[in-house]
C-alpha atoms as a PDB file:
ATOM      1  CA  MET A   1      78.156  48.359-100.850  1.00  0.00           C
ATOM      2  CA  GLN A   2      75.059  49.924 -99.440  1.00  0.00           C
ATOM      3  CA  ALA A   3      74.348  51.734-102.721  1.00  0.00           C
ATOM      4  CA  THR A   4      74.739  48.493-104.690  1.00  0.00           C
ATOM      5  CA  SER A   5      72.393  46.636-102.338  1.00  0.00           C
ATOM      6  CA  THR A   6      69.784  49.350-102.721  1.00  0.00           C
ATOM      7  CA  LEU A   7      70.091  49.188-106.523  1.00  0.00           C
ATOM      8  CA  ASP A   8      69.663  45.399-106.541  1.00  0.00           C
ATOM      9  CA  GLN A   9      66.502  45.718-104.463  1.00  0.00           C
ATOM     10  CA  ALA A  10      65.120  48.341-106.839  1.00  0.00           C
ATOM     11  CA  GLU A  11      65.768  46.164-109.898  1.00  0.00           C
ATOM     12  CA  ALA A  12      64.366  42.984-108.316  1.00  0.00           C
ATOM     13  CA  PRO A  13      60.969  41.992-109.790  1.00  0.00           C
ATOM     14  CA  PRO A  14      58.005  42.369-107.437  1.00  0.00           C
ATOM     15  CA  ALA A  15      56.903  39.182-105.723  1.00  0.00           C
ATOM     16  CA  VAL A  16      53.647  37.755-107.066  1.00  0.00           C
ATOM     17  CA  LYS A  17      51.334  36.023-104.642  1.00  0.00           C
ATOM     18  CA  SER A  18      50.434  32.472-105.523  1.00  0.00           C
ATOM     19  CA  ARG A  19      46.812  33.216-104.673  1.00  0.00           C
ATOM     20  CA  SER A  20      45.818  36.014-107.004  1.00  0.00           C
ATOM     21  CA  PHE A  21      43.246  36.562-109.704  1.00  0.00           C
ATOM     22  CA  LYS A  22      46.137  37.523-111.959  1.00  0.00           C
ATOM     23  CA  ARG A  23      47.429  33.944-111.739  1.00  0.00           C
ATOM     24  CA  ALA A  24      43.915  32.569-112.287  1.00  0.00           C
ATOM     25  CA  PHE A  25      43.365  34.664-115.425  1.00  0.00           C
ATOM     26  CA  ALA A  26      46.862  33.780-116.614  1.00  0.00           C
ATOM     27  CA  ASP A  27      46.070  30.068-116.289  1.00  0.00           C
ATOM     28  CA  VAL A  28      42.997  30.414-118.503  1.00  0.00           C
ATOM     29  CA  ARG A  29      44.803  32.636-121.002  1.00  0.00           C
ATOM     30  CA  GLU A  30      47.784  30.286-121.258  1.00  0.00           C
ATOM     31  CA  ALA A  31      45.440  27.351-121.747  1.00  0.00           C
ATOM     32  CA  TRP A  32      43.905  29.133-124.727  1.00  0.00           C
ATOM     33  CA  ASP A  33      47.397  29.798-126.082  1.00  0.00           C
ATOM     34  CA  HIS A  34      47.988  26.027-125.899  1.00  0.00           C
ATOM     35  CA  ARG A  35      44.910  25.320-128.063  1.00  0.00           C
ATOM     36  CA  GLU A  36      46.983  23.295-130.535  1.00  0.00           C
ATOM     37  CA  LEU A  37      47.919  20.977-127.669  1.00  0.00           C
ATOM     38  CA  TRP A  38      44.451  20.324-126.250  1.00  0.00           C
ATOM     39  CA  GLY A  39      42.947  20.338-129.733  1.00  0.00           C
ATOM     40  CA  HIS A  40      45.306  17.545-130.799  1.00  0.00           C
ATOM     41  CA  LEU A  41      44.760  15.611-127.572  1.00  0.00           C
ATOM     42  CA  GLY A  42      40.982  15.845-127.979  1.00  0.00           C
ATOM     43  CA  TRP A  43      41.197  14.375-131.494  1.00  0.00           C
ATOM     44  CA  GLN A  44      43.470  11.626-130.213  1.00  0.00           C
ATOM     45  CA  ASP A  45      40.973  10.752-127.462  1.00  0.00           C
ATOM     46  CA  ILE A  46      38.289  10.014-130.040  1.00  0.00           C
ATOM     47  CA  LYS A  47      40.665   8.144-132.353  1.00  0.00           C
ATOM     48  CA  GLN A  48      41.932   6.052-129.438  1.00  0.00           C
ATOM     49  CA  ARG A  49      38.411   5.244-128.256  1.00  0.00           C
ATOM     50  CA  TYR A  50      37.452   3.835-131.661  1.00  0.00           C
ATOM     51  CA  ARG A  51      40.809   2.325-132.522  1.00  0.00           C
ATOM     52  CA  ARG A  52      40.563  -0.901-134.584  1.00  0.00           C
ATOM     53  CA  SER A  53      36.861  -0.172-135.177  1.00  0.00           C
ATOM     54  CA  VAL A  54      35.563  -0.640-138.723  1.00  0.00           C
ATOM     55  CA  ILE A  55      33.369   2.487-138.852  1.00  0.00           C
ATOM     56  CA  GLY A  56      35.173   4.411-136.094  1.00  0.00           C
ATOM     57  CA  PRO A  57      33.526   7.566-134.722  1.00  0.00           C
ATOM     58  CA  LEU A  58      30.427   6.829-136.787  1.00  0.00           C
ATOM     59  CA  TRP A  59      29.382   4.692-133.828  1.00  0.00           C
ATOM     60  CA  ILE A  60      28.748   7.970-131.964  1.00  0.00           C
ATOM     61  CA  THR A  61      26.142   8.953-134.544  1.00  0.00           C
ATOM     62  CA  ILE A  62      24.593   5.479-134.716  1.00  0.00           C
ATOM     63  CA  SER A  63      24.295   5.254-130.923  1.00  0.00           C
ATOM     64  CA  MET A  64      22.676   8.673-130.672  1.00  0.00           C
ATOM     65  CA  GLY A  65      20.291   7.988-133.561  1.00  0.00           C
ATOM     66  CA  THR A  66      19.178   4.662-132.094  1.00  0.00           C
ATOM     67  CA  THR A  67      18.597   6.122-128.637  1.00  0.00           C
ATOM     68  CA  ALA A  68      16.719   9.165-129.936  1.00  0.00           C
ATOM     69  CA  LEU A  69      14.538   7.016-132.193  1.00  0.00           C
ATOM     70  CA  ALA A  70      13.668   4.573-129.404  1.00  0.00           C
ATOM     71  CA  LEU A  71      12.879   7.291-126.849  1.00  0.00           C
ATOM     72  CA  GLY A  72      10.968   9.394-129.372  1.00  0.00           C
ATOM     73  CA  LEU A  73       8.725   6.539-130.457  1.00  0.00           C
ATOM     74  CA  LEU A  74       8.201   5.289-126.908  1.00  0.00           C
ATOM     75  CA  TYR A  75       7.212   8.629-125.402  1.00  0.00           C
ATOM     76  CA  SER A  76       5.162   9.643-128.436  1.00  0.00           C
ATOM     77  CA  VAL A  77       2.977   6.608-127.731  1.00  0.00           C
ATOM     78  CA  LEU A  78       2.856   7.268-123.983  1.00  0.00           C
ATOM     79  CA  PHE A  79       1.944  10.941-124.439  1.00  0.00           C
ATOM     80  CA  ASP A  80      -0.211  10.370-127.531  1.00  0.00           C
ATOM     81  CA  THR A  81       1.706  12.956-129.579  1.00  0.00           C
ATOM     82  CA  ASN A  82       2.358  13.558-133.257  1.00  0.00           C
ATOM     83  CA  VAL A  83       5.526  11.625-134.202  1.00  0.00           C
ATOM     84  CA  PRO A  84       6.715  13.976-137.018  1.00  0.00           C
ATOM     85  CA  THR A  85       6.929  16.875-134.543  1.00  0.00           C
ATOM     86  CA  PHE A  86       7.694  15.033-131.302  1.00  0.00           C
ATOM     87  CA  LEU A  87      10.565  12.884-132.610  1.00  0.00           C
ATOM     88  CA  PRO A  88      12.678  15.904-133.696  1.00  0.00           C
ATOM     89  CA  TYR A  89      11.950  17.516-130.313  1.00  0.00           C
ATOM     90  CA  VAL A  90      13.258  14.481-128.420  1.00  0.00           C
ATOM     91  CA  THR A  91      16.215  14.038-130.792  1.00  0.00           C
ATOM     92  CA  VAL A  92      17.502  17.606-130.426  1.00  0.00           C
ATOM     93  CA  GLY A  93      16.882  17.633-126.688  1.00  0.00           C
ATOM     94  CA  PHE A  94      18.772  14.384-126.230  1.00  0.00           C
ATOM     95  CA  ILE A  95      21.709  15.600-128.352  1.00  0.00           C
ATOM     96  CA  ILE A  96      22.084  18.718-126.213  1.00  0.00           C
ATOM     97  CA  TRP A  97      21.580  16.764-122.995  1.00  0.00           C
ATOM     98  CA  ASN A  98      24.291  14.301-124.006  1.00  0.00           C
ATOM     99  CA  PHE A  99      26.737  17.206-124.364  1.00  0.00           C
ATOM    100  CA  ILE A 100      25.768  18.666-120.972  1.00  0.00           C
ATOM    101  CA  LEU A 101      25.910  15.241-119.332  1.00  0.00           C
ATOM    102  CA  GLY A 102      29.376  14.518-120.723  1.00  0.00           C
ATOM    103  CA  CYS A 103      30.766  17.869-119.601  1.00  0.00           C
ATOM    104  CA  ILE A 104      29.396  17.486-116.063  1.00  0.00           C
ATOM    105  CA  THR A 105      30.292  13.845-115.430  1.00  0.00           C
ATOM    106  CA  GLU A 106      33.704  13.977-117.109  1.00  0.00           C
ATOM    107  CA  GLY A 107      34.311  17.428-115.641  1.00  0.00           C
ATOM    108  CA  THR A 108      34.162  16.095-112.098  1.00  0.00           C
ATOM    109  CA  ASP A 109      36.846  13.562-113.016  1.00  0.00           C
ATOM    110  CA  VAL A 110      38.918  15.703-115.388  1.00  0.00           C
ATOM    111  CA  PHE A 111      41.961  16.236-113.148  1.00  0.00           C
ATOM    112  CA  ILE A 112      41.863  12.797-111.543  1.00  0.00           C
ATOM    113  CA  ALA A 113      41.851  11.146-114.971  1.00  0.00           C
ATOM    114  CA  ASN A 114      44.822  13.271-116.092  1.00  0.00           C
ATOM    115  CA  GLU A 115      46.990  12.636-113.014  1.00  0.00           C
ATOM    116  CA  GLY A 116      50.016  11.567-115.038  1.00  0.00           C
ATOM    117  CA  LEU A 117      49.947  14.581-117.363  1.00  0.00           C
ATOM    118  CA  ILE A 118      49.405  17.031-114.510  1.00  0.00           C
ATOM    119  CA  LYS A 119      52.475  15.728-112.674  1.00  0.00           C
ATOM    120  CA  HIS A 120      54.761  15.534-115.699  1.00  0.00           C
ATOM    121  CA  LEU A 121      53.486  18.081-118.231  1.00  0.00           C
ATOM    122  CA  PRO A 122      54.350  21.731-117.448  1.00  0.00           C
ATOM    123  CA  ALA A 123      51.057  23.216-118.645  1.00  0.00           C
ATOM    124  CA  PRO A 124      48.169  25.147-117.057  1.00  0.00           C
ATOM    125  CA  ILE A 125      45.583  22.893-115.443  1.00  0.00           C
ATOM    126  CA  THR A 126      42.893  24.537-117.571  1.00  0.00           C
ATOM    127  CA  VAL A 127      44.423  22.752-120.573  1.00  0.00           C
ATOM    128  CA  HIS A 128      42.905  19.490-119.349  1.00  0.00           C
ATOM    129  CA  VAL A 129      39.496  21.119-119.049  1.00  0.00           C
ATOM    130  CA  MET A 130      39.756  22.554-122.560  1.00  0.00           C
ATOM    131  CA  ARG A 131      40.718  19.126-123.862  1.00  0.00           C
ATOM    132  CA  MET A 132      37.654  17.537-122.263  1.00  0.00           C
ATOM    133  CA  VAL A 133      35.263  20.225-123.521  1.00  0.00           C
ATOM    134  CA  TRP A 134      36.741  20.030-127.025  1.00  0.00           C
ATOM    135  CA  ARG A 135      36.231  16.265-126.998  1.00  0.00           C
ATOM    136  CA  GLN A 136      32.580  16.765-126.074  1.00  0.00           C
ATOM    137  CA  VAL A 137      32.211  19.357-128.835  1.00  0.00           C
ATOM    138  CA  LEU A 138      33.470  16.781-131.331  1.00  0.00           C
ATOM    139  CA  PHE A 139      30.922  14.284-130.009  1.00  0.00           C
ATOM    140  CA  LEU A 140      28.252  16.948-130.404  1.00  0.00           C
ATOM    141  CA  ALA A 141      29.329  17.583-134.000  1.00  0.00           C
ATOM    142  CA  HIS A 142      28.960  13.875-134.782  1.00  0.00           C
ATOM    143  CA  ASN A 143      25.520  13.795-133.155  1.00  0.00           C
ATOM    144  CA  LEU A 144      24.316  16.787-135.173  1.00  0.00           C
ATOM    145  CA  VAL A 145      24.345  14.462-138.176  1.00  0.00           C
ATOM    146  CA  VAL A 146      21.332  12.772-136.566  1.00  0.00           C
ATOM    147  CA  TYR A 147      19.600  16.158-136.325  1.00  0.00           C
ATOM    148  CA  ALA A 148      20.281  16.814-140.016  1.00  0.00           C
ATOM    149  CA  VAL A 149      18.770  13.454-140.980  1.00  0.00           C
ATOM    150  CA  VAL A 150      15.695  13.935-138.774  1.00  0.00           C
ATOM    151  CA  LEU A 151      15.222  17.475-140.093  1.00  0.00           C
ATOM    152  CA  ALA A 152      15.390  16.260-143.693  1.00  0.00           C
ATOM    153  CA  ILE A 153      12.789  13.573-143.003  1.00  0.00           C
ATOM    154  CA  PHE A 154      10.313  15.702-141.036  1.00  0.00           C
ATOM    155  CA  PHE A 155      10.953  19.129-142.551  1.00  0.00           C
ATOM    156  CA  THR A 156       7.464  19.391-144.020  1.00  0.00           C
ATOM    157  CA  ALA A 157       6.007  19.022-140.520  1.00  0.00           C
ATOM    158  CA  LEU A 158       8.276  21.716-139.052  1.00  0.00           C
ATOM    159  CA  ASP A 159       8.361  24.438-141.724  1.00  0.00           C
ATOM    160  CA  HIS A 160       5.001  25.906-140.669  1.00  0.00           C
ATOM    161  CA  PRO A 161       3.264  26.629-137.320  1.00  0.00           C
ATOM    162  CA  TYR A 162       2.840  23.403-135.347  1.00  0.00           C
ATOM    163  CA  THR A 163       2.293  21.995-131.866  1.00  0.00           C
ATOM    164  CA  ILE A 164       4.268  19.182-130.285  1.00  0.00           C
ATOM    165  CA  THR A 165       1.489  17.842-128.075  1.00  0.00           C
ATOM    166  CA  LYS A 166      -2.243  18.171-128.394  1.00  0.00           C
ATOM    167  CA  GLY A 167      -3.386  21.431-126.851  1.00  0.00           C
ATOM    168  CA  GLY A 168       0.224  22.567-126.390  1.00  0.00           C
ATOM    169  CA  ILE A 169       1.909  25.790-127.435  1.00  0.00           C
ATOM    170  CA  GLU A 170       1.893  26.604-131.143  1.00  0.00           C
ATOM    171  CA  HIS A 171       5.419  27.182-132.465  1.00  0.00           C
ATOM    172  CA  PRO A 172       6.114  29.370-135.523  1.00  0.00           C
ATOM    173  CA  GLY A 173       8.172  26.758-137.408  1.00  0.00           C
ATOM    174  CA  ILE A 174      11.738  26.624-138.720  1.00  0.00           C
ATOM    175  CA  SER A 175      12.999  29.877-140.247  1.00  0.00           C
ATOM    176  CA  TRP A 176      16.144  32.032-140.377  1.00  0.00           C
ATOM    177  CA  THR A 177      16.101  32.134-136.546  1.00  0.00           C
ATOM    178  CA  ILE A 178      17.885  28.787-136.685  1.00  0.00           C
ATOM    179  CA  VAL A 179      21.152  30.800-136.683  1.00  0.00           C
ATOM    180  CA  LEU A 180      20.455  31.719-133.046  1.00  0.00           C
ATOM    181  CA  ALA A 181      21.571  28.201-132.182  1.00  0.00           C
ATOM    182  CA  ILE A 182      25.177  29.266-132.869  1.00  0.00           C
ATOM    183  CA  PRO A 183      25.452  31.663-129.882  1.00  0.00           C
ATOM    184  CA  GLY A 184      23.528  29.071-127.886  1.00  0.00           C
ATOM    185  CA  PHE A 185      26.178  26.447-128.647  1.00  0.00           C
ATOM    186  CA  ALA A 186      28.893  28.963-127.783  1.00  0.00           C
ATOM    187  CA  LEU A 187      27.306  29.662-124.400  1.00  0.00           C
ATOM    188  CA  LEU A 188      27.071  25.937-123.700  1.00  0.00           C
ATOM    189  CA  ALA A 189      30.798  25.485-124.371  1.00  0.00           C
ATOM    190  CA  VAL A 190      31.772  28.538-122.297  1.00  0.00           C
ATOM    191  CA  ASN A 191      29.712  27.297-119.366  1.00  0.00           C
ATOM    192  CA  ALA A 192      31.098  23.783-119.750  1.00  0.00           C
ATOM    193  CA  VAL A 193      34.591  25.143-119.039  1.00  0.00           C
ATOM    194  CA  TRP A 194      33.715  26.787-115.731  1.00  0.00           C
ATOM    195  CA  ILE A 195      31.614  23.796-114.647  1.00  0.00           C
ATOM    196  CA  ALA A 196      34.544  21.444-115.247  1.00  0.00           C
ATOM    197  CA  LEU A 197      36.966  23.809-113.513  1.00  0.00           C
ATOM    198  CA  LEU A 198      34.747  24.248-110.486  1.00  0.00           C
ATOM    199  CA  PHE A 199      33.665  20.652-109.988  1.00  0.00           C
ATOM    200  CA  GLY A 200      36.994  19.268-111.171  1.00  0.00           C
ATOM    201  CA  VAL A 201      39.014  21.044-108.480  1.00  0.00           C
ATOM    202  CA  ILE A 202      36.465  20.269-105.744  1.00  0.00           C
ATOM    203  CA  SER A 203      36.237  16.608-106.793  1.00  0.00           C
ATOM    204  CA  THR A 204      40.019  16.304-106.726  1.00  0.00           C
ATOM    205  CA  ARG A 205      39.980  17.283-103.065  1.00  0.00           C
ATOM    206  CA  PHE A 206      36.763  15.444-102.124  1.00  0.00           C
ATOM    207  CA  ARG A 207      36.526  12.174-104.036  1.00  0.00           C
ATOM    208  CA  ASP A 208      32.897  11.616-102.975  1.00  0.00           C
ATOM    209  CA  ILE A 209      31.693  14.367-105.314  1.00  0.00           C
ATOM    210  CA  PRO A 210      31.804  12.385-108.631  1.00  0.00           C
ATOM    211  CA  PRO A 211      29.515   9.521-107.493  1.00  0.00           C
ATOM    212  CA  VAL A 212      27.133  12.021-105.894  1.00  0.00           C
ATOM    213  CA  VAL A 213      26.938  14.004-109.136  1.00  0.00           C
ATOM    214  CA  ASN A 214      26.460  10.833-111.198  1.00  0.00           C
ATOM    215  CA  SER A 215      23.550   9.809-108.980  1.00  0.00           C
ATOM    216  CA  PHE A 216      21.915  13.216-108.964  1.00  0.00           C
ATOM    217  CA  ILE A 217      22.253  13.788-112.707  1.00  0.00           C
ATOM    218  CA  ASN A 218      19.779  10.980-113.477  1.00  0.00           C
ATOM    219  CA  LEU A 219      17.116  12.831-111.519  1.00  0.00           C
ATOM    220  CA  VAL A 220      17.901  16.050-113.403  1.00  0.00           C
ATOM    221  CA  PHE A 221      17.312  14.265-116.716  1.00  0.00           C
ATOM    222  CA  PHE A 222      13.742  13.320-115.851  1.00  0.00           C
ATOM    223  CA  MET A 223      13.033  16.760-114.380  1.00  0.00           C
ATOM    224  CA  THR A 224      14.213  18.487-117.580  1.00  0.00           C
ATOM    225  CA  PRO A 225      11.825  18.800-120.572  1.00  0.00           C
ATOM    226  CA  ILE A 226      13.745  16.496-122.900  1.00  0.00           C
ATOM    227  CA  VAL A 227      11.464  13.504-123.421  1.00  0.00           C
ATOM    228  CA  TRP A 228       8.414  15.527-122.385  1.00  0.00           C
ATOM    229  CA  ASP A 229       7.196  18.887-123.627  1.00  0.00           C
ATOM    230  CA  ALA A 230       7.257  21.864-121.270  1.00  0.00           C
ATOM    231  CA  GLY A 231       4.190  23.179-123.079  1.00  0.00           C
ATOM    232  CA  VAL A 232       2.146  20.493-121.348  1.00  0.00           C
ATOM    233  CA  LEU A 233       2.695  22.323-118.060  1.00  0.00           C
ATOM    234  CA  GLN A 234       1.111  25.451-119.479  1.00  0.00           C
ATOM    235  CA  ARG A 235      -2.211  23.837-120.137  1.00  0.00           C
ATOM    236  CA  VAL A 236      -4.912  25.261-117.930  1.00  0.00           C
ATOM    237  CA  THR A 237      -6.034  22.126-116.141  1.00  0.00           C
ATOM    238  CA  GLY A 238      -7.019  23.839-112.954  1.00  0.00           C
ATOM    239  CA  GLY A 239      -6.746  27.201-111.293  1.00  0.00           C
ATOM    240  CA  ALA A 240      -4.072  29.757-112.081  1.00  0.00           C
ATOM    241  CA  GLY A 241      -2.182  28.792-108.955  1.00  0.00           C
ATOM    242  CA  ASP A 242      -2.001  25.166-110.047  1.00  0.00           C
ATOM    243  CA  ASN A 243      -0.673  26.167-113.456  1.00  0.00           C
ATOM    244  CA  ASP A 244       2.011  28.417-111.937  1.00  0.00           C
ATOM    245  CA  TRP A 245       3.114  25.609-109.608  1.00  0.00           C
ATOM    246  CA  ARG A 246       3.502  23.202-112.504  1.00  0.00           C
ATOM    247  CA  MET A 247       5.620  25.631-114.515  1.00  0.00           C
ATOM    248  CA  LEU A 248       8.046  25.963-111.588  1.00  0.00           C
ATOM    249  CA  ILE A 249       9.075  22.352-112.247  1.00  0.00           C
ATOM    250  CA  ALA A 250      10.738  23.478-115.463  1.00  0.00           C
ATOM    251  CA  GLU A 251      11.576  27.116-114.738  1.00  0.00           C
ATOM    252  CA  LEU A 252      13.549  26.394-111.552  1.00  0.00           C
ATOM    253  CA  ASN A 253      15.683  23.860-113.411  1.00  0.00           C
ATOM    254  CA  PRO A 254      18.704  25.716-114.901  1.00  0.00           C
ATOM    255  CA  VAL A 255      19.425  22.869-117.318  1.00  0.00           C
ATOM    256  CA  TYR A 256      16.077  23.561-119.016  1.00  0.00           C
ATOM    257  CA  HIS A 257      17.195  27.074-119.951  1.00  0.00           C
ATOM    258  CA  PHE A 258      20.539  25.841-121.294  1.00  0.00           C
ATOM    259  CA  VAL A 259      18.768  23.249-123.436  1.00  0.00           C
ATOM    260  CA  GLU A 260      16.183  25.720-124.665  1.00  0.00           C
ATOM    261  CA  VAL A 261      18.605  28.369-125.993  1.00  0.00           C
ATOM    262  CA  VAL A 262      19.877  25.765-128.460  1.00  0.00           C
ATOM    263  CA  ARG A 263      16.872  23.530-129.061  1.00  0.00           C
ATOM    264  CA  ALA A 264      14.341  26.295-129.676  1.00  0.00           C
ATOM    265  CA  PRO A 265      16.139  27.829-132.702  1.00  0.00           C
ATOM    266  CA  LEU A 266      16.875  24.402-134.187  1.00  0.00           C
ATOM    267  CA  LEU A 267      13.181  23.456-134.063  1.00  0.00           C
ATOM    268  CA  GLY A 268      11.682  26.810-134.988  1.00  0.00           C
ATOM    269  CA  HIS A 269      10.447  27.688-131.507  1.00  0.00           C
ATOM    270  CA  ALA A 270      10.285  31.239-130.235  1.00  0.00           C
ATOM    271  CA  VAL A 271      13.085  31.720-127.673  1.00  0.00           C
ATOM    272  CA  ASP A 272      11.857  33.732-124.703  1.00  0.00           C
ATOM    273  CA  TRP A 273      14.307  36.371-123.518  1.00  0.00           C
ATOM    274  CA  HIS A 274      14.301  34.996-119.978  1.00  0.00           C
ATOM    275  CA  HIS A 275      16.096  31.843-121.178  1.00  0.00           C
ATOM    276  CA  TRP A 276      18.989  33.976-122.419  1.00  0.00           C
ATOM    277  CA  ALA A 277      18.906  36.020-119.200  1.00  0.00           C
ATOM    278  CA  VAL A 278      19.130  32.924-116.989  1.00  0.00           C
ATOM    279  CA  VAL A 279      21.943  31.419-119.070  1.00  0.00           C
ATOM    280  CA  GLY A 280      23.815  34.739-119.077  1.00  0.00           C
ATOM    281  CA  GLY A 281      23.431  35.069-115.315  1.00  0.00           C
ATOM    282  CA  PHE A 282      24.763  31.559-114.711  1.00  0.00           C
ATOM    283  CA  THR A 283      27.663  32.275-117.066  1.00  0.00           C
ATOM    284  CA  VAL A 284      28.781  35.331-115.084  1.00  0.00           C
ATOM    285  CA  VAL A 285      28.237  33.847-111.624  1.00  0.00           C
ATOM    286  CA  GLY A 286      29.702  30.478-112.601  1.00  0.00           C
ATOM    287  CA  TRP A 287      32.876  31.938-114.070  1.00  0.00           C
ATOM    288  CA  PHE A 288      33.354  34.126-111.010  1.00  0.00           C
ATOM    289  CA  ALA A 289      33.072  31.087-108.730  1.00  0.00           C
ATOM    290  CA  ALA A 290      35.430  29.079-110.960  1.00  0.00           C
ATOM    291  CA  LEU A 291      38.028  31.871-110.953  1.00  0.00           C
ATOM    292  CA  VAL A 292      37.837  32.078-107.154  1.00  0.00           C
ATOM    293  CA  ILE A 293      38.448  28.326-106.902  1.00  0.00           C
ATOM    294  CA  LEU A 294      41.226  28.571-109.483  1.00  0.00           C
ATOM    295  CA  ARG A 295      42.789  31.481-107.604  1.00  0.00           C
ATOM    296  CA  ASN A 296      42.847  29.679-104.273  1.00  0.00           C
ATOM    297  CA  TYR A 297      43.506  26.048-105.144  1.00  0.00           C
ATOM    298  CA  ARG A 298      45.061  25.707-108.628  1.00  0.00           C
ATOM    299  CA  ALA A 299      48.518  25.118-107.114  1.00  0.00           C
ATOM    300  CA  ARG A 300      47.214  22.280-104.923  1.00  0.00           C
ATOM    301  CA  VAL A 301      45.644  20.189-107.677  1.00  0.00           C
ATOM    302  CA  SER A 302      48.942  18.480-108.523  1.00  0.00           C
ATOM    303  CA  TYR A 303      49.262  17.389-104.887  1.00  0.00           C
ATOM    304  CA  TRP A 304      45.651  16.265-104.494  1.00  0.00           C
ATOM    305  CA  VAL A 305      45.694  14.000-107.545  1.00  0.00           C
END
């Protein structure tokens, strides 16, 4: 009897702690293995949103094109800029910002909005984050049609060295470096996942987080060089100290660096290495923080919702 009991204990699988990085990594890995599930659900979200619509998802492109055109023309008049170079700048910036905005605002609400699926669908919670990010990627793909149209119209103004604002930085123009936008898009999507995981879990526990984020994000928009050119801040309008202080407005804003790693290649701007360094640093630190949150609280999300 004693020998049998000892054998049973030896063959018993080791107990795995519910709070472990192994479980956190497994949740992300299993979510990727379920890519057919969240890929299908993301498509269905868009189809459901534009159900019974005559032109369907084309409304995404029309809405983005109208907004970009209105903002581009308005701020080109206010800043006295050249429309053929400023309108593409605003258009691309607004397309990227719309993706970031959607991932942040919907990320804070991702688990709350999927309460029914979380309680009844035996799947990793990261699946819901992947579904949301995939949906935003599809929106981004629709909005890139606007970029293609704007590029076709104003290509002759962008295929050689140009400036966006008078006295601003001279950019080399569109060339083969446009392919650098692909890793930029990939970094945006990778960061969108950890942002949604981090803020999604916290917002599930503290329901005041989503309205706070929605209020703060409007301020971030105006502080980010989207409808205004960061090159304006580099004009020498005073002493060196004044110029350095002005540049801090953009450089201390992490969203600016995320926008720039995608927008610069698409518009033929030279991408400074420090933009990639900042984005890479946020990617590493952000994923570490998200995995810590996932390690400690992933099992509680189903109870909090």
